[in-house]
Amino acid sequence: MKTAANALSVLLHPVWMPTLTIAICFAIDPFLRYGFTRDGVWILYGMVFTMTAFFPLLSALLMRRTGMVTDITMPMRMERIPAYFITLLYHGMCYYLLWRTNMHPDLLAIFLGALVALFLLLVITFRWKISAHMTGIGGLIGSVVALMLEHGAYAPLLLCALFVVAGALGTARLIASDHSPAQIYSGFLLGSACTALSVLYGGAFPWN
């Protein structure tokens, strides 16, 4: 059981969520793809993956090699703080690059929400080991819900499937780590609230 939980935790690791989110959002909301060629979409995927997945993973491996963390999974709460800080910097650079391109405002709002969620995750981790996995998948679900409300994107089956997957991931994190149910629920609420509110009220931010 724990082996399956660990496998699901790797498969749905937070670093994959930004790339997965943009792929799913493009699939359900064609308005977001306006102005992108097919090659442009793949270039965007590659940039987002490099900045939000490859670089953070590489940094984590380097921290493990230098002894800054005891394990790549970072079981100790205080070990996660430098990793979250570095990841926040990468996400900030990613957001800046997206902002410099001709990007749909709601797509920018999704990444802004993810950036805010990551910052709050870092702050909370100084005192409490909130679940980053659930923050990540919560951000994905919050983005989908917001696009359904904002643009009328129709994806009820997808949304149901995502909630089932989120439930499975939350169970996996309870089995595979020392998270409490409160940390699981809080992580999900943090991620979903940040992305959903950023999309729904993103027009109030002049930098979008």
Protein backbone atom coordinates (compact mmCIF):
# COMPACT_ATOMS: atom_id res chain seq x y z
CA MET A 1 0.00 0.00 0.00
CA LYS A 2 2.77 2.42 0.89
CA THR A 3 4.59 1.60 -2.36
CA ALA A 4 1.48 2.53 -4.36
CA ALA A 5 1.08 5.70 -2.30
CA ASN A 6 4.69 6.70 -2.98
CA ALA A 7 4.24 6.01 -6.70
CA LEU A 8 1.13 8.20 -6.86
CA SER A 9 2.93 10.94 -4.94
CA VAL A 10 5.70 10.93 -7.57
CA LEU A 11 3.25 10.77 -10.48
CA LEU A 12 1.30 13.76 -9.12
CA HIS A 13 4.24 15.68 -7.69
CA PRO A 14 3.70 19.47 -7.44
CA VAL A 15 6.43 20.22 -9.98
CA TRP A 16 4.34 18.63 -12.76
CA MET A 17 1.24 20.68 -11.94
CA PRO A 18 2.02 23.97 -13.78
CA THR A 19 2.65 22.17 -17.08
CA LEU A 20 -0.33 19.87 -16.56
CA THR A 21 -2.52 22.83 -15.66
CA ILE A 22 -1.70 24.77 -18.81
CA ALA A 23 -2.23 21.65 -20.97
CA ILE A 24 -5.65 20.95 -19.44
CA CYS A 25 -6.71 24.59 -19.56
CA PHE A 26 -5.75 24.82 -23.23
CA ALA A 27 -7.75 21.66 -23.90
CA ILE A 28 -10.99 22.87 -22.27
CA ASP A 29 -10.79 26.58 -23.13
CA PRO A 30 -9.75 27.41 -26.72
CA PHE A 31 -9.81 31.16 -25.93
CA LEU A 32 -6.56 30.71 -24.02
CA ARG A 33 -4.79 29.42 -27.14
CA TYR A 34 -5.69 32.46 -29.24
CA GLY A 35 -2.65 33.75 -31.09
CA PHE A 36 -0.59 30.58 -30.57
CA THR A 37 0.57 28.38 -33.41
CA ARG A 38 0.97 24.63 -32.81
CA ASP A 39 4.73 25.11 -32.48
CA GLY A 40 4.17 28.08 -30.20
CA VAL A 41 2.09 25.95 -27.84
CA TRP A 42 4.84 23.33 -27.60
CA ILE A 43 7.45 26.02 -27.01
CA LEU A 44 5.27 27.35 -24.19
CA TYR A 45 4.96 23.87 -22.69
CA GLY A 46 8.72 23.45 -22.87
CA MET A 47 9.40 26.80 -21.21
CA VAL A 48 6.92 26.20 -18.39
CA PHE A 49 8.22 22.66 -17.80
CA THR A 50 11.83 23.83 -17.75
CA MET A 51 11.21 26.69 -15.32
CA THR A 52 8.73 25.00 -12.97
CA ALA A 53 9.77 21.34 -13.07
CA PHE A 54 13.26 20.73 -14.45
CA PHE A 55 15.10 23.54 -12.62
CA PRO A 56 13.41 22.91 -9.22
CA LEU A 57 14.13 19.17 -9.47
CA LEU A 58 17.74 19.84 -10.45
CA SER A 59 18.10 22.24 -7.51
CA ALA A 60 16.64 19.62 -5.14
CA LEU A 61 19.12 17.03 -6.38
CA LEU A 62 21.99 19.47 -5.87
CA MET A 63 20.78 20.23 -2.33
CA ARG A 64 20.64 16.50 -1.62
CA ARG A 65 24.16 16.05 -2.96
CA THR A 66 25.54 18.90 -0.85
CA GLY A 67 23.76 17.69 2.28
CA MET A 68 21.32 20.59 2.57
CA VAL A 69 18.50 18.04 2.67
CA THR A 70 18.60 14.47 3.96
CA ASP A 71 16.40 13.04 1.24
CA ILE A 72 14.92 14.16 -2.06
CA THR A 73 11.43 13.81 -0.55
CA MET A 74 12.39 16.32 2.20
CA PRO A 75 10.51 14.68 5.08
CA MET A 76 11.61 17.35 7.58
CA ARG A 77 9.60 20.56 7.52
CA MET A 78 12.57 22.95 7.77
CA GLU A 79 14.34 21.20 4.88
CA ARG A 80 11.53 22.28 2.59
CA ILE A 81 11.99 26.00 3.15
CA PRO A 82 15.08 26.52 0.92
CA ALA A 83 13.55 24.27 -1.74
CA TYR A 84 10.30 26.24 -1.71
CA PHE A 85 12.23 29.52 -1.83
CA ILE A 86 14.22 28.44 -4.89
CA THR A 87 11.09 27.12 -6.56
CA LEU A 88 9.36 30.44 -5.85
CA LEU A 89 12.17 32.24 -7.68
CA TYR A 90 11.83 29.95 -10.70
CA HIS A 91 8.07 30.44 -10.74
CA GLY A 92 8.57 34.19 -10.53
CA MET A 93 10.89 34.11 -13.54
CA CYS A 94 8.38 31.95 -15.40
CA TYR A 95 5.60 34.41 -14.67
CA TYR A 96 7.76 37.30 -15.86
CA LEU A 97 8.53 35.53 -19.16
CA LEU A 98 4.84 34.76 -19.67
CA TRP A 99 3.97 38.39 -18.88
CA ARG A 100 6.40 39.55 -21.57
CA THR A 101 4.61 37.48 -24.22
CA ASN A 102 1.19 37.97 -25.82
CA MET A 103 -0.54 35.83 -23.22
CA HIS A 104 -4.24 35.64 -22.41
CA PRO A 105 -4.86 37.53 -19.12
CA ASP A 106 -6.60 34.55 -17.52
CA LEU A 107 -3.61 32.33 -18.22
CA LEU A 108 -1.41 34.92 -16.56
CA ALA A 109 -3.87 35.02 -13.68
CA ILE A 110 -3.54 31.25 -13.21
CA PHE A 111 0.22 31.54 -12.90
CA LEU A 112 -0.10 34.54 -10.62
CA GLY A 113 -2.39 32.50 -8.38
CA ALA A 114 0.10 29.64 -8.37
CA LEU A 115 2.85 32.10 -7.47
CA VAL A 116 0.82 33.47 -4.55
CA ALA A 117 0.00 29.93 -3.38
CA LEU A 118 3.69 29.00 -3.45
CA PHE A 119 4.61 32.10 -1.47
CA LEU A 120 1.98 31.34 1.17
CA LEU A 121 3.12 27.72 1.23
CA LEU A 122 6.64 28.93 2.00
CA VAL A 123 5.44 31.25 4.77
CA ILE A 124 3.20 28.60 6.37
CA THR A 125 5.98 26.00 6.27
CA PHE A 126 8.01 28.05 8.74
CA ARG A 127 5.45 26.98 11.36
CA TRP A 128 3.45 24.08 9.90
CA LYS A 129 4.04 21.26 7.40
CA ILE A 130 1.20 21.95 4.99
CA SER A 131 0.89 19.59 2.00
CA ALA A 132 2.57 20.91 -1.14
CA HIS A 133 1.13 18.01 -3.17
CA MET A 134 -2.41 19.05 -2.32
CA THR A 135 -1.60 22.71 -2.94
CA GLY A 136 -0.46 21.76 -6.43
CA ILE A 137 -3.48 19.70 -7.42
CA GLY A 138 -5.75 22.20 -5.68
CA GLY A 139 -4.32 24.90 -7.94
CA LEU A 140 -5.12 22.78 -10.99
CA ILE A 141 -8.72 22.20 -9.88
CA GLY A 142 -9.17 25.85 -8.93
CA SER A 143 -8.02 26.87 -12.41
CA VAL A 144 -10.49 24.53 -14.11
CA VAL A 145 -13.39 25.66 -11.91
CA ALA A 146 -12.56 29.33 -12.55
CA LEU A 147 -12.45 28.85 -16.33
CA MET A 148 -15.79 27.04 -16.20
CA LEU A 149 -17.28 30.01 -14.35
CA GLU A 150 -15.46 32.74 -16.27
CA HIS A 151 -15.66 31.45 -19.86
CA GLY A 152 -18.35 28.80 -19.66
CA ALA A 153 -15.84 26.04 -20.40
CA TYR A 154 -17.76 22.75 -20.22
CA ALA A 155 -15.80 19.96 -18.54
CA PRO A 156 -17.95 18.33 -15.82
CA LEU A 157 -16.55 14.82 -16.31
CA LEU A 158 -13.00 16.14 -16.20
CA LEU A 159 -13.74 18.08 -13.03
CA CYS A 160 -15.25 14.98 -11.38
CA ALA A 161 -12.20 12.95 -12.40
CA LEU A 162 -9.86 15.58 -10.99
CA PHE A 163 -11.65 15.54 -7.63
CA VAL A 164 -11.35 11.74 -7.54
CA VAL A 165 -7.63 12.00 -8.33
CA ALA A 166 -7.22 14.69 -5.65
CA GLY A 167 -8.91 12.42 -3.13
CA ALA A 168 -6.61 9.55 -4.08
CA LEU A 169 -3.58 11.82 -3.78
CA GLY A 170 -4.68 13.08 -0.38
CA THR A 171 -5.05 9.48 0.81
CA ALA A 172 -1.65 8.64 -0.63
CA ARG A 173 -0.04 11.53 1.23
CA LEU A 174 -1.58 10.37 4.50
CA ILE A 175 -0.15 6.89 3.91
CA ALA A 176 3.25 7.88 2.51
CA SER A 177 4.10 10.82 4.78
CA ASP A 178 3.48 12.19 8.24
CA HIS A 179 0.90 14.75 7.09
CA SER A 180 -2.25 15.15 9.13
CA PRO A 181 -5.73 15.39 7.55
CA ALA A 182 -5.79 19.10 8.41
CA GLN A 183 -2.55 19.65 6.47
CA ILE A 184 -4.00 17.77 3.49
CA TYR A 185 -7.26 19.76 3.44
CA SER A 186 -5.49 23.07 4.05
CA GLY A 187 -3.09 22.49 1.19
CA PHE A 188 -5.93 21.77 -1.21
CA LEU A 189 -7.91 24.83 -0.11
CA LEU A 190 -4.84 27.05 -0.39
CA GLY A 191 -4.04 26.02 -3.96
CA SER A 192 -7.62 26.03 -5.25
CA ALA A 193 -8.51 29.36 -3.64
CA CYS A 194 -5.42 31.17 -4.94
CA THR A 195 -5.82 30.16 -8.58
CA ALA A 196 -9.62 30.43 -8.70
CA LEU A 197 -9.72 33.87 -7.09
CA SER A 198 -6.85 35.10 -9.23
CA VAL A 199 -8.72 34.17 -12.42
CA LEU A 200 -12.13 35.39 -11.27
CA TYR A 201 -10.83 38.69 -9.90
CA GLY A 202 -7.63 39.01 -11.92
CA GLY A 203 -8.92 42.03 -13.77
CA ALA A 204 -8.33 44.05 -10.62
CA PHE A 205 -4.58 43.52 -10.91
CA PRO A 206 -2.92 46.03 -13.26
CA TRP A 207 0.09 43.79 -13.83
CA ASN A 208 -2.01 41.09 -15.55
